[in-house]
């Protein structure tokens, strides 16, 4: 048993971070993708294991009362649907669907369940953030600006397909 340990240590230097990180990380990423695993249980207090396929977390913080709305880009003439009402200086989190690209709007005067795409009364900003499965995103609304930042990168959903075509 001791000889095996010496042999393994001779072949792969456990202190060689390049060899360890490169191959091992690639296999871990492939397995996580196959199992739909976000790679960690928690990020900034959010339970990532609660997310299902094609879902991510959005956290929002605003300096005023706003309504956050979204609509799938695949939906023709659909109204924007309320995702969350953000109260001043109170951080909120919610789950978003990442299966399809989505357009987002933030309104200062709306908190109805649906808003027509033609309604621009109180429209503070409009955006099309790129979001992926098991990612964590942060919406900051301050002054007259809105920004979406990635807090945790999403998993690479195409990695499993590449692993079949190009095994390491």
N, C-alpha and C. Protein backbone atom coordinates (compact mmCIF):
# COMPACT_ATOMS: atom_id res chain seq x y z
N UNK A 1 0.83 -1.19 0.00
CA UNK A 1 0.00 0.00 0.00
C UNK A 1 0.87 1.25 0.00
N UNK A 2 1.93 1.22 0.76
CA UNK A 2 2.83 2.35 0.80
C UNK A 2 3.51 2.56 -0.54
N UNK A 3 3.83 1.45 -1.26
CA UNK A 3 4.44 1.58 -2.58
C UNK A 3 3.48 2.23 -3.57
N UNK A 4 2.20 1.91 -3.48
CA UNK A 4 1.21 2.53 -4.37
C UNK A 4 1.15 4.03 -4.14
N UNK A 5 1.19 4.41 -2.89
CA UNK A 5 1.15 5.82 -2.57
C UNK A 5 2.36 6.54 -3.14
N UNK A 6 3.52 5.93 -3.01
CA UNK A 6 4.74 6.52 -3.56
C UNK A 6 4.63 6.59 -5.07
N UNK A 7 4.10 5.53 -5.70
CA UNK A 7 3.97 5.50 -7.14
C UNK A 7 3.02 6.59 -7.62
N UNK A 8 1.88 6.75 -6.95
CA UNK A 8 0.92 7.78 -7.33
C UNK A 8 1.55 9.16 -7.16
N UNK A 9 2.24 9.36 -6.05
CA UNK A 9 2.86 10.66 -5.83
C UNK A 9 3.99 10.93 -6.83
N UNK A 10 4.67 9.87 -7.29
CA UNK A 10 5.71 10.05 -8.29
C UNK A 10 5.12 10.44 -9.63
N UNK A 11 3.98 9.85 -10.00
CA UNK A 11 3.36 10.12 -11.30
C UNK A 11 2.70 11.48 -11.31
N UNK A 12 1.91 11.80 -10.28
CA UNK A 12 1.22 13.08 -10.20
C UNK A 12 1.67 13.78 -8.93
N UNK A 13 2.40 14.82 -9.08
CA UNK A 13 2.86 15.60 -7.94
C UNK A 13 1.65 16.32 -7.35
N UNK A 14 1.27 15.98 -6.11
CA UNK A 14 0.08 16.56 -5.50
C UNK A 14 0.23 18.06 -5.27
N UNK A 15 1.43 18.56 -5.35
CA UNK A 15 1.65 19.99 -5.19
C UNK A 15 1.65 20.73 -6.52
N UNK A 16 1.56 20.00 -7.63
CA UNK A 16 1.54 20.61 -8.96
C UNK A 16 0.12 21.10 -9.26
N UNK A 17 -0.12 22.39 -9.04
CA UNK A 17 -1.47 22.93 -9.17
C UNK A 17 -1.96 22.93 -10.61
N UNK A 18 -1.04 23.08 -11.58
CA UNK A 18 -1.47 23.07 -12.98
C UNK A 18 -2.07 21.73 -13.37
N UNK A 19 -1.36 20.65 -13.07
CA UNK A 19 -1.84 19.31 -13.42
C UNK A 19 -3.12 18.98 -12.68
N UNK A 20 -3.16 19.33 -11.42
CA UNK A 20 -4.32 19.01 -10.59
C UNK A 20 -5.53 19.82 -11.03
N UNK A 21 -5.36 21.11 -11.22
CA UNK A 21 -6.49 21.96 -11.56
C UNK A 21 -7.00 21.75 -12.97
N UNK A 22 -6.12 21.55 -13.90
CA UNK A 22 -6.51 21.44 -15.30
C UNK A 22 -7.39 20.22 -15.55
N UNK A 23 -6.85 19.04 -15.37
CA UNK A 23 -7.59 17.81 -15.68
C UNK A 23 -8.70 17.55 -14.68
N UNK A 24 -8.40 17.63 -13.41
CA UNK A 24 -9.40 17.33 -12.39
C UNK A 24 -10.57 18.30 -12.47
N UNK A 25 -10.31 19.58 -12.65
CA UNK A 25 -11.38 20.57 -12.74
C UNK A 25 -12.25 20.31 -13.96
N UNK A 26 -11.65 19.90 -15.05
CA UNK A 26 -12.41 19.60 -16.26
C UNK A 26 -13.38 18.45 -16.00
N UNK A 27 -12.90 17.38 -15.36
CA UNK A 27 -13.78 16.25 -15.05
C UNK A 27 -14.87 16.65 -14.07
N UNK A 28 -14.55 17.43 -13.06
CA UNK A 28 -15.57 17.87 -12.09
C UNK A 28 -16.63 18.71 -12.79
N UNK A 29 -16.23 19.59 -13.68
CA UNK A 29 -17.18 20.43 -14.40
C UNK A 29 -18.10 19.60 -15.29
N UNK A 30 -17.54 18.59 -15.94
CA UNK A 30 -18.35 17.72 -16.80
C UNK A 30 -19.38 16.97 -15.97
N UNK A 31 -18.95 16.40 -14.85
CA UNK A 31 -19.87 15.65 -13.99
C UNK A 31 -20.95 16.57 -13.44
N UNK A 32 -20.59 17.76 -13.00
CA UNK A 32 -21.59 18.71 -12.49
C UNK A 32 -22.62 19.05 -13.55
N UNK A 33 -22.15 19.24 -14.77
CA UNK A 33 -23.06 19.57 -15.85
C UNK A 33 -24.02 18.42 -16.12
N UNK A 34 -23.51 17.20 -16.12
CA UNK A 34 -24.38 16.04 -16.34
C UNK A 34 -25.42 15.92 -15.23
N UNK A 35 -25.03 16.21 -14.02
CA UNK A 35 -25.93 16.06 -12.87
C UNK A 35 -26.74 17.31 -12.59
N UNK A 36 -26.60 18.35 -13.41
CA UNK A 36 -27.27 19.63 -13.18
C UNK A 36 -26.94 20.16 -11.78
N UNK A 37 -25.67 20.16 -11.45
CA UNK A 37 -25.19 20.57 -10.14
C UNK A 37 -24.61 21.98 -10.24
N UNK A 38 -25.07 22.91 -9.36
CA UNK A 38 -24.54 24.27 -9.43
C UNK A 38 -23.10 24.41 -8.96
N UNK A 39 -22.52 23.36 -8.36
CA UNK A 39 -21.12 23.41 -7.96
C UNK A 39 -20.89 23.83 -6.53
N UNK A 40 -21.90 24.39 -5.87
CA UNK A 40 -21.80 24.76 -4.46
C UNK A 40 -23.21 24.79 -3.90
N UNK A 41 -23.31 24.68 -2.60
CA UNK A 41 -24.64 24.66 -1.98
C UNK A 41 -25.20 26.05 -1.74
N UNK A 42 -24.32 27.01 -1.43
CA UNK A 42 -24.79 28.33 -1.05
C UNK A 42 -23.88 29.41 -1.62
N UNK A 43 -24.49 30.53 -1.97
CA UNK A 43 -23.72 31.69 -2.43
C UNK A 43 -24.40 32.94 -1.87
N UNK A 44 -23.71 33.68 -1.04
CA UNK A 44 -24.24 34.91 -0.42
C UNK A 44 -25.59 34.68 0.25
N UNK A 45 -25.73 33.54 0.93
CA UNK A 45 -26.97 33.24 1.64
C UNK A 45 -28.08 32.64 0.80
N UNK A 46 -27.84 32.45 -0.50
CA UNK A 46 -28.85 31.86 -1.38
C UNK A 46 -28.60 30.37 -1.52
N UNK A 47 -29.64 29.56 -1.37
CA UNK A 47 -29.55 28.11 -1.48
C UNK A 47 -29.54 27.70 -2.95
N UNK A 48 -28.38 27.43 -3.51
CA UNK A 48 -28.27 27.09 -4.93
C UNK A 48 -28.84 25.71 -5.24
N UNK A 49 -28.92 24.83 -4.24
CA UNK A 49 -29.48 23.50 -4.49
C UNK A 49 -30.99 23.56 -4.69
N UNK A 50 -31.62 24.67 -4.35
CA UNK A 50 -33.06 24.83 -4.56
C UNK A 50 -33.38 25.16 -6.02
N UNK A 51 -32.37 25.57 -6.79
CA UNK A 51 -32.59 25.90 -8.20
C UNK A 51 -32.80 24.64 -9.02
N UNK A 52 -33.72 24.74 -9.97
CA UNK A 52 -33.96 23.65 -10.91
C UNK A 52 -33.28 23.99 -12.23
N UNK A 53 -33.39 23.08 -13.19
CA UNK A 53 -32.79 23.32 -14.49
C UNK A 53 -33.34 24.62 -15.09
N UNK A 54 -32.48 25.39 -15.73
CA UNK A 54 -32.82 26.65 -16.38
C UNK A 54 -33.32 27.71 -15.39
N UNK A 55 -32.73 27.73 -14.20
CA UNK A 55 -33.08 28.75 -13.23
C UNK A 55 -31.81 29.40 -12.67
N UNK A 56 -31.98 30.63 -12.22
CA UNK A 56 -30.89 31.38 -11.59
C UNK A 56 -31.51 32.30 -10.54
N UNK A 57 -30.66 32.89 -9.72
CA UNK A 57 -31.12 33.86 -8.74
C UNK A 57 -30.84 35.27 -9.23
N UNK A 58 -31.77 36.16 -8.94
CA UNK A 58 -31.57 37.59 -9.14
C UNK A 58 -31.77 38.25 -7.78
N UNK A 59 -30.84 39.06 -7.37
CA UNK A 59 -31.03 39.87 -6.16
C UNK A 59 -31.11 41.31 -6.61
N UNK A 60 -31.97 42.07 -5.97
CA UNK A 60 -32.17 43.45 -6.38
C UNK A 60 -32.09 44.39 -5.21
N UNK A 61 -31.54 45.55 -5.47
CA UNK A 61 -31.44 46.61 -4.47
C UNK A 61 -31.70 47.94 -5.18
N UNK A 62 -32.57 48.74 -4.58
CA UNK A 62 -32.94 50.01 -5.19
C UNK A 62 -32.94 51.12 -4.15
N UNK A 63 -32.75 52.34 -4.62
CA UNK A 63 -32.79 53.49 -3.72
C UNK A 63 -34.19 54.11 -3.67
N UNK A 64 -35.15 53.48 -4.37
CA UNK A 64 -36.54 53.95 -4.37
C UNK A 64 -37.48 52.79 -4.63
N UNK A 65 -38.76 53.02 -4.51
CA UNK A 65 -39.79 52.01 -4.78
C UNK A 65 -39.88 51.79 -6.30
N UNK A 66 -39.60 50.56 -6.75
CA UNK A 66 -39.67 50.25 -8.19
C UNK A 66 -40.32 48.88 -8.39
N UNK A 67 -40.84 48.70 -9.59
CA UNK A 67 -41.35 47.40 -10.01
C UNK A 67 -40.43 46.84 -11.09
N UNK A 68 -40.02 45.59 -10.94
CA UNK A 68 -39.13 44.94 -11.91
C UNK A 68 -39.99 43.97 -12.73
N UNK A 69 -39.98 44.16 -14.04
CA UNK A 69 -40.82 43.39 -14.95
C UNK A 69 -39.96 42.68 -15.98
N UNK A 70 -40.48 41.58 -16.53
CA UNK A 70 -39.78 40.88 -17.61
C UNK A 70 -40.77 40.26 -18.58
N UNK A 71 -40.26 40.00 -19.78
CA UNK A 71 -41.03 39.29 -20.80
C UNK A 71 -40.03 38.50 -21.66
N UNK A 72 -40.41 37.29 -22.02
CA UNK A 72 -39.56 36.46 -22.89
C UNK A 72 -39.47 37.10 -24.26
N UNK A 73 -38.29 37.09 -24.85
CA UNK A 73 -38.12 37.62 -26.20
C UNK A 73 -38.88 36.80 -27.24
N UNK A 74 -39.26 35.57 -26.88
CA UNK A 74 -40.02 34.71 -27.80
C UNK A 74 -41.50 35.08 -27.85
N UNK A 75 -41.95 35.89 -26.94
CA UNK A 75 -43.37 36.19 -26.82
C UNK A 75 -43.69 37.47 -27.59
N UNK A 76 -44.52 37.35 -28.60
CA UNK A 76 -44.90 38.47 -29.46
C UNK A 76 -46.12 39.18 -28.87
N UNK A 77 -46.00 40.47 -28.64
CA UNK A 77 -47.06 41.32 -28.10
C UNK A 77 -47.53 40.92 -26.70
N UNK A 78 -46.69 40.27 -25.96
CA UNK A 78 -47.03 39.91 -24.59
C UNK A 78 -46.73 41.07 -23.66
N UNK A 79 -47.49 41.21 -22.59
CA UNK A 79 -47.18 42.25 -21.63
C UNK A 79 -46.00 41.84 -20.76
N UNK A 80 -45.37 42.82 -20.15
CA UNK A 80 -44.32 42.56 -19.18
C UNK A 80 -45.00 42.08 -17.89
N UNK A 81 -44.39 41.09 -17.25
CA UNK A 81 -44.96 40.53 -16.03
C UNK A 81 -44.10 40.95 -14.83
N UNK A 82 -44.77 41.33 -13.75
CA UNK A 82 -44.08 41.75 -12.54
C UNK A 82 -43.28 40.59 -11.96
N UNK A 83 -41.99 40.81 -11.72
CA UNK A 83 -41.13 39.82 -11.09
C UNK A 83 -40.96 40.11 -9.61
N UNK A 84 -40.75 41.39 -9.29
CA UNK A 84 -40.52 41.75 -7.89
C UNK A 84 -40.73 43.25 -7.72
N UNK A 85 -41.26 43.62 -6.57
CA UNK A 85 -41.32 45.02 -6.17
C UNK A 85 -40.16 45.23 -5.21
N UNK A 86 -39.34 46.21 -5.52
CA UNK A 86 -38.19 46.53 -4.66
C UNK A 86 -38.51 47.78 -3.88
N UNK A 87 -38.37 47.67 -2.57
CA UNK A 87 -38.56 48.82 -1.69
C UNK A 87 -37.20 49.47 -1.44
N UNK A 88 -37.20 50.75 -1.10
CA UNK A 88 -35.92 51.45 -0.92
C UNK A 88 -35.02 50.78 0.11
N UNK A 89 -33.77 50.57 -0.31
CA UNK A 89 -32.70 50.05 0.55
C UNK A 89 -33.00 48.70 1.19
N UNK A 90 -33.86 47.90 0.57
CA UNK A 90 -34.16 46.55 1.07
C UNK A 90 -33.82 45.55 -0.03
N UNK A 91 -32.81 44.73 0.21
CA UNK A 91 -32.39 43.75 -0.81
C UNK A 91 -33.38 42.60 -0.86
N UNK A 92 -33.79 42.25 -2.07
CA UNK A 92 -34.74 41.15 -2.32
C UNK A 92 -34.10 40.17 -3.30
N UNK A 93 -34.49 38.90 -3.18
CA UNK A 93 -34.00 37.86 -4.11
C UNK A 93 -35.19 37.11 -4.68
N UNK A 94 -35.03 36.66 -5.93
CA UNK A 94 -36.06 35.85 -6.56
C UNK A 94 -35.42 34.97 -7.62
N UNK A 95 -36.16 33.94 -8.01
CA UNK A 95 -35.67 32.98 -9.01
C UNK A 95 -36.18 33.40 -10.38
N UNK A 96 -35.27 33.37 -11.37
CA UNK A 96 -35.62 33.72 -12.74
C UNK A 96 -35.38 32.53 -13.66
N UNK A 97 -36.12 32.51 -14.76
CA UNK A 97 -35.98 31.46 -15.76
C UNK A 97 -34.90 31.87 -16.76
N UNK A 98 -33.99 30.95 -17.05
CA UNK A 98 -32.89 31.26 -17.98
C UNK A 98 -32.99 30.49 -19.29
N UNK A 99 -34.10 29.78 -19.50
CA UNK A 99 -34.24 28.95 -20.70
C UNK A 99 -34.27 29.80 -21.98
N UNK A 100 -34.85 30.98 -21.89
CA UNK A 100 -34.95 31.87 -23.05
C UNK A 100 -34.48 33.26 -22.67
N UNK A 101 -34.00 33.98 -23.65
CA UNK A 101 -33.56 35.36 -23.43
C UNK A 101 -34.76 36.20 -23.03
N UNK A 102 -34.55 37.13 -22.14
CA UNK A 102 -35.64 37.92 -21.57
C UNK A 102 -35.30 39.40 -21.58
N UNK A 103 -36.31 40.22 -21.83
CA UNK A 103 -36.17 41.67 -21.72
C UNK A 103 -36.72 42.09 -20.37
N UNK A 104 -36.03 43.03 -19.74
CA UNK A 104 -36.41 43.50 -18.40
C UNK A 104 -36.68 44.99 -18.45
N UNK A 105 -37.64 45.41 -17.63
CA UNK A 105 -37.93 46.83 -17.45
C UNK A 105 -38.07 47.11 -15.96
N UNK A 106 -37.64 48.30 -15.59
CA UNK A 106 -37.81 48.78 -14.22
C UNK A 106 -38.65 50.05 -14.31
N UNK A 107 -39.77 50.04 -13.60
CA UNK A 107 -40.69 51.17 -13.56
C UNK A 107 -40.71 51.80 -12.17
N UNK A 108 -40.80 53.12 -12.14
CA UNK A 108 -40.88 53.82 -10.85
C UNK A 108 -42.32 53.99 -10.39
N UNK A 109 -43.27 53.89 -11.29
CA UNK A 109 -44.67 54.15 -10.94
C UNK A 109 -45.56 52.93 -11.08
N UNK A 110 -45.01 51.77 -11.32
CA UNK A 110 -45.83 50.59 -11.57
C UNK A 110 -45.58 49.52 -10.53
N UNK A 111 -46.64 48.86 -10.12
CA UNK A 111 -46.52 47.61 -9.38
C UNK A 111 -47.74 46.73 -9.67
N UNK A 112 -48.33 46.94 -10.86
CA UNK A 112 -49.40 46.07 -11.34
C UNK A 112 -48.79 44.74 -11.77
N UNK A 113 -49.62 43.71 -11.86
CA UNK A 113 -49.12 42.39 -12.23
C UNK A 113 -48.59 42.38 -13.67
N UNK A 114 -49.25 43.11 -14.57
CA UNK A 114 -48.83 43.16 -15.98
C UNK A 114 -48.77 44.60 -16.45
N UNK A 115 -47.82 44.88 -17.36
CA UNK A 115 -47.67 46.20 -17.96
C UNK A 115 -47.51 46.00 -19.46
N UNK A 116 -48.26 46.76 -20.23
CA UNK A 116 -48.17 46.70 -21.69
C UNK A 116 -46.78 47.11 -22.15
N UNK A 117 -46.32 46.49 -23.22
CA UNK A 117 -45.01 46.83 -23.78
C UNK A 117 -45.00 48.27 -24.29
N UNK A 118 -46.18 48.82 -24.61
CA UNK A 118 -46.26 50.19 -25.10
C UNK A 118 -46.24 51.22 -23.97
N UNK A 119 -46.44 50.77 -22.73
CA UNK A 119 -46.49 51.68 -21.60
C UNK A 119 -45.07 52.08 -21.17
N UNK A 120 -44.76 53.34 -21.34
CA UNK A 120 -43.44 53.84 -20.92
C UNK A 120 -43.55 54.86 -19.79
N UNK A 121 -44.75 55.01 -19.23
CA UNK A 121 -44.95 55.92 -18.11
C UNK A 121 -44.19 55.39 -16.89
N UNK A 122 -43.27 56.18 -16.39
CA UNK A 122 -42.49 55.77 -15.23
C UNK A 122 -41.37 54.79 -15.54
N UNK A 123 -41.10 54.54 -16.83
CA UNK A 123 -40.04 53.61 -17.22
C UNK A 123 -38.68 54.20 -16.85
N UNK A 124 -37.99 53.53 -15.99
CA UNK A 124 -36.67 53.99 -15.55
C UNK A 124 -35.57 53.44 -16.45
N UNK A 125 -35.66 52.15 -16.78
CA UNK A 125 -34.66 51.55 -17.66
C UNK A 125 -35.19 50.26 -18.27
N UNK A 126 -34.55 49.87 -19.35
CA UNK A 126 -34.86 48.62 -20.05
C UNK A 126 -33.55 47.95 -20.37
N UNK A 127 -33.50 46.61 -20.23
CA UNK A 127 -32.25 45.88 -20.47
C UNK A 127 -32.54 44.45 -20.90
N UNK A 128 -31.52 43.81 -21.44
CA UNK A 128 -31.60 42.40 -21.83
C UNK A 128 -30.37 41.68 -21.26
N UNK A 129 -30.36 41.41 -19.97
CA UNK A 129 -29.17 40.78 -19.38
C UNK A 129 -29.02 39.34 -19.85
N UNK A 130 -27.78 38.94 -20.04
CA UNK A 130 -27.49 37.56 -20.43
C UNK A 130 -27.30 36.76 -19.15
N UNK A 131 -28.21 35.81 -18.93
CA UNK A 131 -28.17 35.02 -17.70
C UNK A 131 -28.13 33.54 -18.05
N UNK A 132 -27.50 32.75 -17.18
CA UNK A 132 -27.37 31.33 -17.41
C UNK A 132 -27.76 30.51 -16.19
N UNK A 133 -27.91 29.23 -16.43
CA UNK A 133 -28.34 28.28 -15.42
C UNK A 133 -27.43 28.27 -14.20
N UNK A 134 -28.02 28.34 -13.02
CA UNK A 134 -27.36 28.32 -11.71
C UNK A 134 -26.49 29.54 -11.45
N UNK A 135 -26.67 30.60 -12.22
CA UNK A 135 -25.94 31.83 -11.96
C UNK A 135 -26.63 32.64 -10.87
N UNK A 136 -25.92 33.62 -10.35
CA UNK A 136 -26.48 34.56 -9.39
C UNK A 136 -26.18 35.95 -9.93
N UNK A 137 -27.24 36.76 -10.04
CA UNK A 137 -27.12 38.08 -10.65
C UNK A 137 -27.63 39.15 -9.69
N UNK A 138 -27.11 40.35 -9.83
CA UNK A 138 -27.47 41.43 -8.94
C UNK A 138 -27.93 42.64 -9.77
N UNK A 139 -29.15 43.10 -9.49
CA UNK A 139 -29.71 44.28 -10.12
C UNK A 139 -29.58 45.45 -9.15
N UNK A 140 -28.89 46.48 -9.58
CA UNK A 140 -28.75 47.70 -8.77
C UNK A 140 -29.48 48.83 -9.48
N UNK A 141 -30.41 49.45 -8.76
CA UNK A 141 -31.16 50.59 -9.28
C UNK A 141 -30.83 51.78 -8.40
N UNK A 142 -30.14 52.76 -8.98
CA UNK A 142 -29.79 53.95 -8.22
C UNK A 142 -29.86 55.16 -9.14
N UNK A 143 -30.46 56.21 -8.62
CA UNK A 143 -30.62 57.41 -9.44
C UNK A 143 -31.46 57.09 -10.65
N UNK A 144 -30.93 57.38 -11.80
CA UNK A 144 -31.63 57.12 -13.06
C UNK A 144 -31.02 55.93 -13.81
N UNK A 145 -30.23 55.11 -13.12
CA UNK A 145 -29.53 54.01 -13.78
C UNK A 145 -29.88 52.66 -13.19
N UNK A 146 -29.78 51.64 -14.04
CA UNK A 146 -29.97 50.25 -13.63
C UNK A 146 -28.79 49.45 -14.19
N UNK A 147 -28.24 48.58 -13.36
CA UNK A 147 -27.13 47.74 -13.79
C UNK A 147 -27.35 46.33 -13.29
N UNK A 148 -27.05 45.34 -14.14
CA UNK A 148 -27.08 43.94 -13.73
C UNK A 148 -25.65 43.43 -13.77
N UNK A 149 -25.20 42.88 -12.65
CA UNK A 149 -23.86 42.34 -12.52
C UNK A 149 -23.95 40.85 -12.19
N UNK A 150 -22.98 40.09 -12.63
CA UNK A 150 -22.90 38.67 -12.30
C UNK A 150 -22.18 38.51 -10.98
N UNK A 151 -22.87 37.91 -10.01
CA UNK A 151 -22.28 37.65 -8.70
C UNK A 151 -21.64 36.26 -8.67
N UNK A 152 -22.26 35.30 -9.34
CA UNK A 152 -21.72 33.94 -9.48
C UNK A 152 -21.96 33.50 -10.92
N UNK A 153 -20.90 33.09 -11.58
CA UNK A 153 -21.01 32.66 -12.98
C UNK A 153 -21.91 31.43 -13.10
N UNK A 154 -22.67 31.33 -14.18
CA UNK A 154 -23.51 30.14 -14.39
C UNK A 154 -22.65 28.95 -14.79
N UNK A 155 -23.26 27.76 -14.76
CA UNK A 155 -22.54 26.58 -15.24
C UNK A 155 -22.54 26.59 -16.76
N UNK A 156 -21.60 25.89 -17.34
CA UNK A 156 -21.52 25.79 -18.79
C UNK A 156 -22.40 24.62 -19.22
N UNK A 157 -23.60 24.92 -19.73
CA UNK A 157 -24.55 23.85 -20.08
C UNK A 157 -24.12 23.08 -21.32
N UNK A 158 -23.16 23.59 -22.05
CA UNK A 158 -22.70 22.90 -23.27
C UNK A 158 -21.49 22.01 -23.01
N UNK A 159 -20.97 22.01 -21.79
CA UNK A 159 -19.77 21.24 -21.48
C UNK A 159 -19.99 19.75 -21.67
N UNK A 160 -21.17 19.24 -21.31
CA UNK A 160 -21.41 17.81 -21.48
C UNK A 160 -21.40 17.40 -22.95
N UNK A 161 -21.90 18.27 -23.82
CA UNK A 161 -21.88 17.96 -25.25
C UNK A 161 -20.45 17.94 -25.77
N UNK A 162 -19.65 18.89 -25.30
CA UNK A 162 -18.25 18.93 -25.72
C UNK A 162 -17.47 17.75 -25.18
N UNK A 163 -17.84 17.28 -24.00
CA UNK A 163 -17.11 16.14 -23.41
C UNK A 163 -17.32 14.86 -24.22
N UNK A 164 -18.43 14.75 -24.90
CA UNK A 164 -18.68 13.59 -25.74
C UNK A 164 -17.85 13.69 -27.03
N UNK A 165 -17.82 14.90 -27.60
CA UNK A 165 -17.08 15.10 -28.84
C UNK A 165 -15.57 15.13 -28.67
N UNK A 166 -15.13 15.74 -27.55
CA UNK A 166 -13.71 15.93 -27.33
C UNK A 166 -13.31 15.43 -25.95
N UNK A 167 -13.31 14.12 -25.72
CA UNK A 167 -12.92 13.64 -24.39
C UNK A 167 -11.47 14.00 -24.11
N UNK A 168 -11.20 14.30 -22.88
CA UNK A 168 -9.86 14.73 -22.49
C UNK A 168 -8.91 13.56 -22.39
